[in-house]
N, C-alpha and C. Protein backbone atom coordinates (compact mmCIF):
# COMPACT_ATOMS: atom_id res chain seq x y z
N MET A 1 -12.62 26.50 0.77
CA MET A 1 -11.72 26.83 2.01
C MET A 1 -11.43 25.21 2.88
N ALA A 2 -12.67 24.36 3.28
CA ALA A 2 -12.60 23.64 3.83
C ALA A 2 -11.75 22.40 3.02
N ARG A 3 -11.70 22.34 1.97
CA ARG A 3 -11.09 21.29 1.20
C ARG A 3 -9.31 21.43 1.32
N ASP A 4 -9.26 22.97 1.02
CA ASP A 4 -8.01 23.25 1.14
C ASP A 4 -7.14 22.97 2.41
N VAL A 5 -7.98 23.35 3.57
CA VAL A 5 -7.10 22.90 4.85
C VAL A 5 -7.59 21.69 5.07
N ILE A 6 -8.19 20.79 4.58
CA ILE A 6 -7.98 19.08 5.12
C ILE A 6 -6.82 18.85 3.93
N GLU A 7 -6.87 19.59 2.96
CA GLU A 7 -5.44 18.91 1.76
C GLU A 7 -4.24 19.10 2.46
N ARG A 8 -4.16 20.27 2.99
CA ARG A 8 -2.84 20.80 3.65
C ARG A 8 -2.43 20.05 4.98
N TYR A 9 -3.71 19.59 5.68
CA TYR A 9 -3.09 18.94 6.91
C TYR A 9 -2.83 17.30 6.32
N TYR A 10 -3.31 16.57 5.11
CA TYR A 10 -2.81 15.46 4.86
C TYR A 10 -1.73 15.43 3.63
N ALA A 11 -1.43 16.78 3.48
CA ALA A 11 0.02 16.92 2.92
C ALA A 11 1.02 16.99 3.88
N ALA A 12 0.91 17.46 4.76
CA ALA A 12 1.59 17.69 6.30
C ALA A 12 1.78 16.35 6.56
N PHE A 13 1.05 15.41 6.77
CA PHE A 13 0.95 14.25 7.42
C PHE A 13 1.84 13.40 6.59
N ASN A 14 1.52 13.18 4.79
CA ASN A 14 2.42 12.46 4.24
C ASN A 14 4.00 12.69 4.42
N ALA A 15 3.89 14.35 4.58
CA ALA A 15 5.49 14.72 4.39
C ALA A 15 6.00 14.51 5.87
N GLY A 16 5.66 13.53 7.02
CA GLY A 16 6.17 13.56 8.21
C GLY A 16 5.91 15.17 9.08
N ASP A 17 5.15 16.13 8.95
CA ASP A 17 5.00 17.51 9.18
C ASP A 17 4.24 17.78 9.98
N ALA A 18 4.46 17.34 11.32
CA ALA A 18 3.66 16.93 12.61
C ALA A 18 3.53 19.13 12.63
N GLN A 19 4.45 19.85 12.45
CA GLN A 19 3.91 21.26 12.78
C GLN A 19 2.83 21.75 11.61
N GLY A 20 2.92 21.29 10.28
CA GLY A 20 2.30 21.36 9.23
C GLY A 20 0.89 21.28 9.98
N MET A 21 0.62 19.91 10.17
CA MET A 21 -0.47 19.39 10.71
C MET A 21 -1.10 20.41 11.64
N LEU A 22 -0.71 20.65 12.60
CA LEU A 22 -0.57 21.58 14.01
C LEU A 22 -0.99 22.68 13.31
N ALA A 23 -0.59 23.57 12.02
CA ALA A 23 -0.94 24.68 11.64
C ALA A 23 -2.04 24.53 11.30
N CYS A 24 -3.05 23.47 11.10
CA CYS A 24 -4.40 23.33 10.19
C CYS A 24 -5.36 22.74 11.26
N VAL A 25 -4.97 23.12 12.61
CA VAL A 25 -6.00 22.94 13.73
C VAL A 25 -6.15 24.07 14.61
N THR A 26 -7.30 24.18 15.28
CA THR A 26 -7.77 24.95 16.13
C THR A 26 -7.01 24.54 17.71
N ASP A 27 -6.90 25.57 18.48
CA ASP A 27 -5.90 25.55 19.76
C ASP A 27 -6.97 24.24 20.36
N ASP A 28 -8.20 24.57 20.49
CA ASP A 28 -9.35 23.16 21.09
C ASP A 28 -9.38 22.06 20.59
N ILE A 29 -8.69 22.19 19.47
CA ILE A 29 -8.84 20.48 18.35
C ILE A 29 -9.29 19.37 19.32
N GLU A 30 -10.32 18.67 19.08
CA GLU A 30 -11.15 17.52 19.85
C GLU A 30 -10.39 16.28 18.61
N HIS A 31 -9.60 15.60 19.54
CA HIS A 31 -9.41 14.65 17.92
C HIS A 31 -9.81 12.87 18.43
N ARG A 32 -10.17 12.48 17.88
CA ARG A 32 -11.19 11.03 18.19
C ARG A 32 -10.12 9.74 17.35
N VAL A 33 -9.86 9.23 17.73
CA VAL A 33 -8.47 8.35 17.19
C VAL A 33 -9.68 6.90 17.44
N ASN A 34 -9.22 6.43 16.08
CA ASN A 34 -10.25 4.73 16.14
C ASN A 34 -9.61 4.46 17.32
N GLU A 35 -11.28 4.01 18.30
CA GLU A 35 -11.05 2.70 19.35
C GLU A 35 -10.00 3.62 20.44
N GLY A 36 -9.73 4.50 20.38
CA GLY A 36 -9.20 5.17 21.38
C GLY A 36 -9.76 6.37 21.79
N GLU A 37 -8.86 6.69 23.19
CA GLU A 37 -9.90 8.05 24.25
C GLU A 37 -9.64 9.46 23.38
N VAL A 38 -10.43 10.19 23.64
CA VAL A 38 -10.85 11.83 22.66
C VAL A 38 -9.57 12.21 23.48
N ARG A 39 -8.68 13.02 22.57
CA ARG A 39 -7.67 14.15 23.24
C ARG A 39 -8.32 15.60 22.52
N HIS A 40 -8.17 16.27 23.96
CA HIS A 40 -8.43 17.72 23.87
C HIS A 40 -7.32 18.49 23.31
N GLY A 41 -7.23 19.50 22.76
CA GLY A 41 -6.09 20.60 22.62
C GLY A 41 -5.13 20.08 22.12
N ARG A 42 -4.42 21.17 21.25
CA ARG A 42 -3.16 21.08 20.73
C ARG A 42 -2.18 20.35 21.37
N GLU A 43 -2.04 20.80 22.69
CA GLU A 43 -0.83 20.04 23.18
C GLU A 43 -0.86 18.46 23.28
N LYS A 44 -2.17 18.05 23.45
CA LYS A 44 -2.46 16.53 23.27
C LYS A 44 -2.34 15.79 21.56
N PHE A 45 -2.87 16.66 20.77
CA PHE A 45 -2.61 16.37 19.30
C PHE A 45 -1.08 16.51 18.93
N ALA A 46 -0.46 17.30 19.71
CA ALA A 46 1.07 17.30 19.39
C ALA A 46 2.02 16.27 19.78
N GLU A 47 1.43 15.78 21.13
CA GLU A 47 1.73 14.09 21.37
C GLU A 47 1.34 13.21 20.48
N PHE A 48 0.46 13.38 20.10
CA PHE A 48 -0.13 11.78 19.27
C PHE A 48 0.97 11.79 17.86
N CYS A 49 1.00 13.12 17.48
CA CYS A 49 1.77 13.76 16.30
C CYS A 49 2.71 12.84 16.59
N SER A 50 3.49 13.43 17.67
CA SER A 50 5.22 12.79 17.87
C SER A 50 5.19 11.07 18.08
N HIS A 51 4.48 10.54 18.77
CA HIS A 51 4.03 9.60 18.80
C HIS A 51 4.23 8.74 17.75
N MET A 52 3.00 8.79 17.30
CA MET A 52 2.68 8.29 15.57
C MET A 52 4.39 8.47 14.78
N GLY A 53 5.06 9.31 14.87
CA GLY A 53 5.96 9.30 13.69
C GLY A 53 6.98 8.73 14.55
N VAL A 54 7.20 8.33 15.75
CA VAL A 54 8.13 7.29 16.00
C VAL A 54 7.67 5.90 15.67
N SER A 55 6.48 5.73 15.96
CA SER A 55 6.03 4.34 16.12
C SER A 55 5.32 3.63 14.89
N TYR A 56 5.05 4.65 13.33
CA TYR A 56 4.17 4.36 12.33
C TYR A 56 5.00 5.02 11.34
N ARG A 57 5.74 4.45 9.98
CA ARG A 57 5.68 5.56 9.13
C ARG A 57 4.51 5.05 7.76
N GLU A 58 4.07 5.89 7.79
CA GLU A 58 2.84 5.78 6.81
C GLU A 58 2.61 7.31 5.64
N GLN A 59 1.74 6.71 4.62
CA GLN A 59 1.64 7.32 3.60
C GLN A 59 0.18 7.12 3.31
N LEU A 60 -0.50 8.28 3.06
CA LEU A 60 -2.24 8.09 2.57
C LEU A 60 -2.36 8.22 1.15
N ARG A 61 -2.66 7.24 0.42
CA ARG A 61 -2.98 7.20 -0.93
C ARG A 61 -4.45 7.39 -0.84
N ASP A 62 -4.81 7.63 -2.68
CA ASP A 62 -5.86 7.21 -3.53
C ASP A 62 -6.99 8.10 -2.25
N MET A 63 -6.50 9.34 -1.85
CA MET A 63 -7.30 10.22 -1.14
C MET A 63 -8.69 11.00 -1.91
N VAL A 64 -9.75 10.77 -1.43
CA VAL A 64 -11.06 11.45 -1.84
C VAL A 64 -11.51 12.77 -0.68
N ILE A 65 -11.94 13.68 -0.99
CA ILE A 65 -12.08 14.61 0.26
C ILE A 65 -13.72 15.32 -0.27
N PHE A 66 -14.53 15.36 0.98
CA PHE A 66 -16.09 15.82 0.75
C PHE A 66 -16.22 17.06 1.75
N THR A 67 -17.01 18.18 1.08
CA THR A 67 -17.05 18.98 2.10
C THR A 67 -18.65 19.38 1.97
N ASN A 68 -18.77 19.94 3.30
CA ASN A 68 -20.37 20.08 2.96
C ASN A 68 -20.34 21.79 2.14
N GLU A 69 -21.22 22.44 2.12
CA GLU A 69 -21.32 23.69 1.13
C GLU A 69 -20.91 24.95 2.01
N ASP A 70 -21.19 25.07 3.01
CA ASP A 70 -20.69 26.00 4.04
C ASP A 70 -19.32 26.05 4.56
N GLY A 71 -18.56 24.98 4.45
CA GLY A 71 -17.37 24.62 4.69
C GLY A 71 -17.35 24.17 6.33
N THR A 72 -18.06 23.90 7.06
CA THR A 72 -17.59 23.68 8.18
C THR A 72 -17.76 22.28 8.68
N ARG A 73 -17.94 20.98 7.96
CA ARG A 73 -17.80 19.60 7.72
C ARG A 73 -17.17 19.10 6.73
N GLY A 74 -16.20 18.19 7.09
CA GLY A 74 -15.66 17.60 5.92
C GLY A 74 -15.53 16.12 6.07
N ALA A 75 -14.67 15.43 5.21
CA ALA A 75 -14.85 13.94 5.50
C ALA A 75 -13.70 13.57 4.76
N ALA A 76 -13.07 12.35 4.89
CA ALA A 76 -11.79 12.26 3.66
C ALA A 76 -11.88 10.54 3.42
N GLU A 77 -11.68 9.75 2.58
CA GLU A 77 -11.56 8.37 2.44
C GLU A 77 -10.35 8.09 2.07
N PHE A 78 -9.43 7.19 2.34
CA PHE A 78 -8.09 7.20 1.51
C PHE A 78 -7.55 5.45 2.16
N VAL A 79 -6.44 5.29 1.49
CA VAL A 79 -5.92 3.95 1.50
C VAL A 79 -4.72 4.13 2.41
N VAL A 80 -4.24 3.81 3.62
CA VAL A 80 -3.18 3.84 4.43
C VAL A 80 -2.01 2.57 3.93
N HIS A 81 -1.01 3.36 3.61
CA HIS A 81 0.12 1.86 3.61
C HIS A 81 1.39 2.83 4.26
N GLY A 82 1.61 1.68 5.45
CA GLY A 82 2.30 1.74 6.48
C GLY A 82 3.32 1.00 6.48
N GLU A 83 3.95 1.21 7.71
CA GLU A 83 5.14 0.63 8.15
C GLU A 83 4.94 0.59 9.84
N TYR A 84 4.91 -0.56 10.40
CA TYR A 84 5.01 -0.55 11.78
C TYR A 84 6.33 -0.71 12.48
N LEU A 85 6.97 0.61 13.03
CA LEU A 85 8.47 0.60 13.45
C LEU A 85 8.63 0.33 15.06
N LYS A 86 7.59 0.89 15.90
CA LYS A 86 8.06 0.85 17.42
C LYS A 86 6.71 0.03 18.07
N THR A 87 6.75 -0.87 18.64
CA THR A 87 5.66 -1.48 19.27
C THR A 87 4.93 -0.47 20.32
N ASP A 88 3.61 -0.43 20.02
CA ASP A 88 2.37 0.24 20.76
C ASP A 88 1.79 -0.72 21.61
N PRO A 89 1.95 0.18 22.86
CA PRO A 89 1.45 -1.13 24.12
C PRO A 89 -0.01 -1.66 23.89
N GLY A 90 -0.13 -2.84 24.35
CA GLY A 90 -1.27 -3.78 23.44
C GLY A 90 -1.55 -3.60 22.78
N LEU A 91 -0.38 -3.84 21.84
CA LEU A 91 -0.60 -4.39 20.20
C LEU A 91 0.41 -5.37 20.23
N PRO A 92 0.34 -5.73 18.60
CA PRO A 92 1.28 -6.72 18.50
C PRO A 92 3.15 -6.74 18.41
N GLU A 93 3.93 -6.91 18.63
CA GLU A 93 5.15 -6.41 18.62
C GLU A 93 5.55 -6.08 17.08
N ALA A 94 6.20 -4.86 16.98
CA ALA A 94 6.85 -4.25 15.72
C ALA A 94 7.91 -4.75 15.42
N LYS A 95 7.84 -4.99 13.86
CA LYS A 95 9.23 -5.79 13.55
C LYS A 95 9.57 -5.21 12.19
N GLY A 96 8.87 -4.05 11.41
CA GLY A 96 8.87 -3.08 10.25
C GLY A 96 8.01 -3.52 9.53
N GLN A 97 7.01 -4.38 10.03
CA GLN A 97 5.55 -5.06 9.13
C GLN A 97 4.95 -3.77 8.16
N ARG A 98 4.62 -4.64 7.30
CA ARG A 98 4.08 -3.38 6.19
C ARG A 98 2.64 -3.83 6.33
N TYR A 99 1.53 -2.42 6.40
CA TYR A 99 0.25 -3.18 5.96
C TYR A 99 -0.44 -1.97 4.40
N VAL A 100 -1.64 -2.43 4.49
CA VAL A 100 -2.26 -1.41 3.54
C VAL A 100 -3.80 -1.68 3.96
N LEU A 101 -4.07 -0.42 4.19
CA LEU A 101 -5.38 -0.38 5.21
C LEU A 101 -6.38 0.78 4.39
N PRO A 102 -7.68 0.32 4.32
CA PRO A 102 -8.48 1.40 3.95
C PRO A 102 -8.63 2.14 5.11
N ALA A 103 -8.87 3.65 5.07
CA ALA A 103 -9.41 4.50 6.43
C ALA A 103 -9.66 5.68 6.26
N GLY A 104 -10.72 6.38 6.66
CA GLY A 104 -11.65 7.59 6.55
C GLY A 104 -11.11 8.55 8.02
N ALA A 105 -11.75 9.77 7.81
CA ALA A 105 -11.62 10.64 8.61
C ALA A 105 -12.83 11.73 8.60
N PHE A 106 -13.47 12.16 9.64
CA PHE A 106 -14.69 13.30 9.50
C PHE A 106 -13.98 14.37 10.11
N PHE A 107 -14.51 15.69 9.93
CA PHE A 107 -14.03 16.89 10.05
C PHE A 107 -14.74 18.17 10.62
N ASP A 108 -14.88 18.67 11.53
CA ASP A 108 -15.64 19.83 11.96
C ASP A 108 -14.64 20.91 11.80
N LEU A 109 -14.74 21.78 10.97
CA LEU A 109 -13.87 23.14 10.78
C LEU A 109 -14.76 24.45 10.85
N ARG A 110 -13.86 25.19 11.74
CA ARG A 110 -14.28 26.42 12.20
C ARG A 110 -12.88 27.25 11.88
N ASP A 111 -13.24 28.58 11.10
CA ASP A 111 -12.64 30.02 11.25
C ASP A 111 -11.47 29.21 10.63
N GLY A 112 -11.55 28.47 9.22
CA GLY A 112 -10.57 28.13 8.50
C GLY A 112 -10.00 27.05 9.06
N ARG A 113 -9.76 26.45 9.96
CA ARG A 113 -8.95 25.15 10.97
C ARG A 113 -10.00 23.93 11.33
N ILE A 114 -9.17 22.77 11.32
CA ILE A 114 -9.99 21.54 11.47
C ILE A 114 -9.96 21.98 13.19
N SER A 115 -11.45 21.56 13.63
CA SER A 115 -11.74 21.55 15.17
C SER A 115 -11.98 20.47 15.75
N ARG A 116 -12.18 19.57 14.57
CA ARG A 116 -12.20 17.95 15.18
C ARG A 116 -12.02 16.92 14.17
N VAL A 117 -11.07 16.09 14.57
CA VAL A 117 -11.05 15.26 13.65
C VAL A 117 -11.30 13.58 14.19
N THR A 118 -12.04 12.93 13.54
CA THR A 118 -12.50 11.59 14.14
C THR A 118 -11.89 10.45 12.93
N THR A 119 -10.99 9.69 13.07
CA THR A 119 -10.26 8.69 12.57
C THR A 119 -11.10 7.68 12.32
N PHE A 120 -11.44 6.81 11.29
CA PHE A 120 -11.96 5.19 11.18
C PHE A 120 -11.20 4.14 10.62
N TYR A 121 -10.69 2.88 11.38
CA TYR A 121 -10.11 2.10 9.91
C TYR A 121 -10.52 0.58 11.11
N ASN A 122 -10.02 -0.26 10.20
CA ASN A 122 -10.54 -1.79 10.89
C ASN A 122 -9.47 -2.02 11.80
N LEU A 123 -9.49 -1.94 12.77
CA LEU A 123 -7.95 -2.46 13.61
C LEU A 123 -8.11 -3.95 13.61
N ALA A 124 -9.09 -4.49 13.58
CA ALA A 124 -8.83 -5.91 13.17
C ALA A 124 -8.20 -6.36 12.19
N ASP A 125 -8.21 -5.56 11.03
CA ASP A 125 -7.28 -6.11 9.93
C ASP A 125 -6.07 -5.89 9.92
N TRP A 126 -6.30 -4.30 10.83
CA TRP A 126 -4.34 -4.41 10.63
C TRP A 126 -3.73 -5.16 11.48
N ILE A 127 -4.37 -5.17 12.86
CA ILE A 127 -3.95 -6.39 13.65
C ILE A 127 -3.11 -8.05 12.77
N ARG A 128 -4.42 -8.31 12.11
CA ARG A 128 -4.20 -9.49 11.25
C ARG A 128 -3.15 -9.08 10.21
N GLN A 129 -3.11 -8.24 9.52
CA GLN A 129 -1.85 -7.80 8.97
C GLN A 129 -0.33 -8.06 9.28
N VAL A 130 -0.17 -6.76 10.37
CA VAL A 130 0.91 -6.89 11.08
C VAL A 130 1.19 -8.10 12.10
N SER A 131 0.56 -9.29 12.22
CA SER A 131 0.39 -10.50 12.63
C SER A 131 1.04 -11.77 11.83
N ALA A 132 0.53 -11.49 10.62
CA ALA A 132 1.25 -12.48 9.64
C ALA A 132 2.77 -12.98 9.55
């Protein structure tokens, strides 16, 4: 079940389906983004998804998903293939730059949904790629 919900979450991500992603998370989701603030709750997570859909176009490839035996924890490793569409405050100017970036995420799961997702990637590598 843990693997299934993580697969659905990322299938929705790749489809640009924020509602599909929201269906995979708990109301009290804890969203920990790389080098950013922790977002608590479905509303904050929805705001993040909306922002990402405007600023970036990304596809996650070469996905490998790991889960523990009782289905309460999981992890995923993947490669982000993206395009930077709209400038994010404090980051380089967006001009449609493309990037390829290894990344990963860690999950807590409860009652068949994701209750925490923590995402990691090398921000310096991303900045170098979009600044070139």
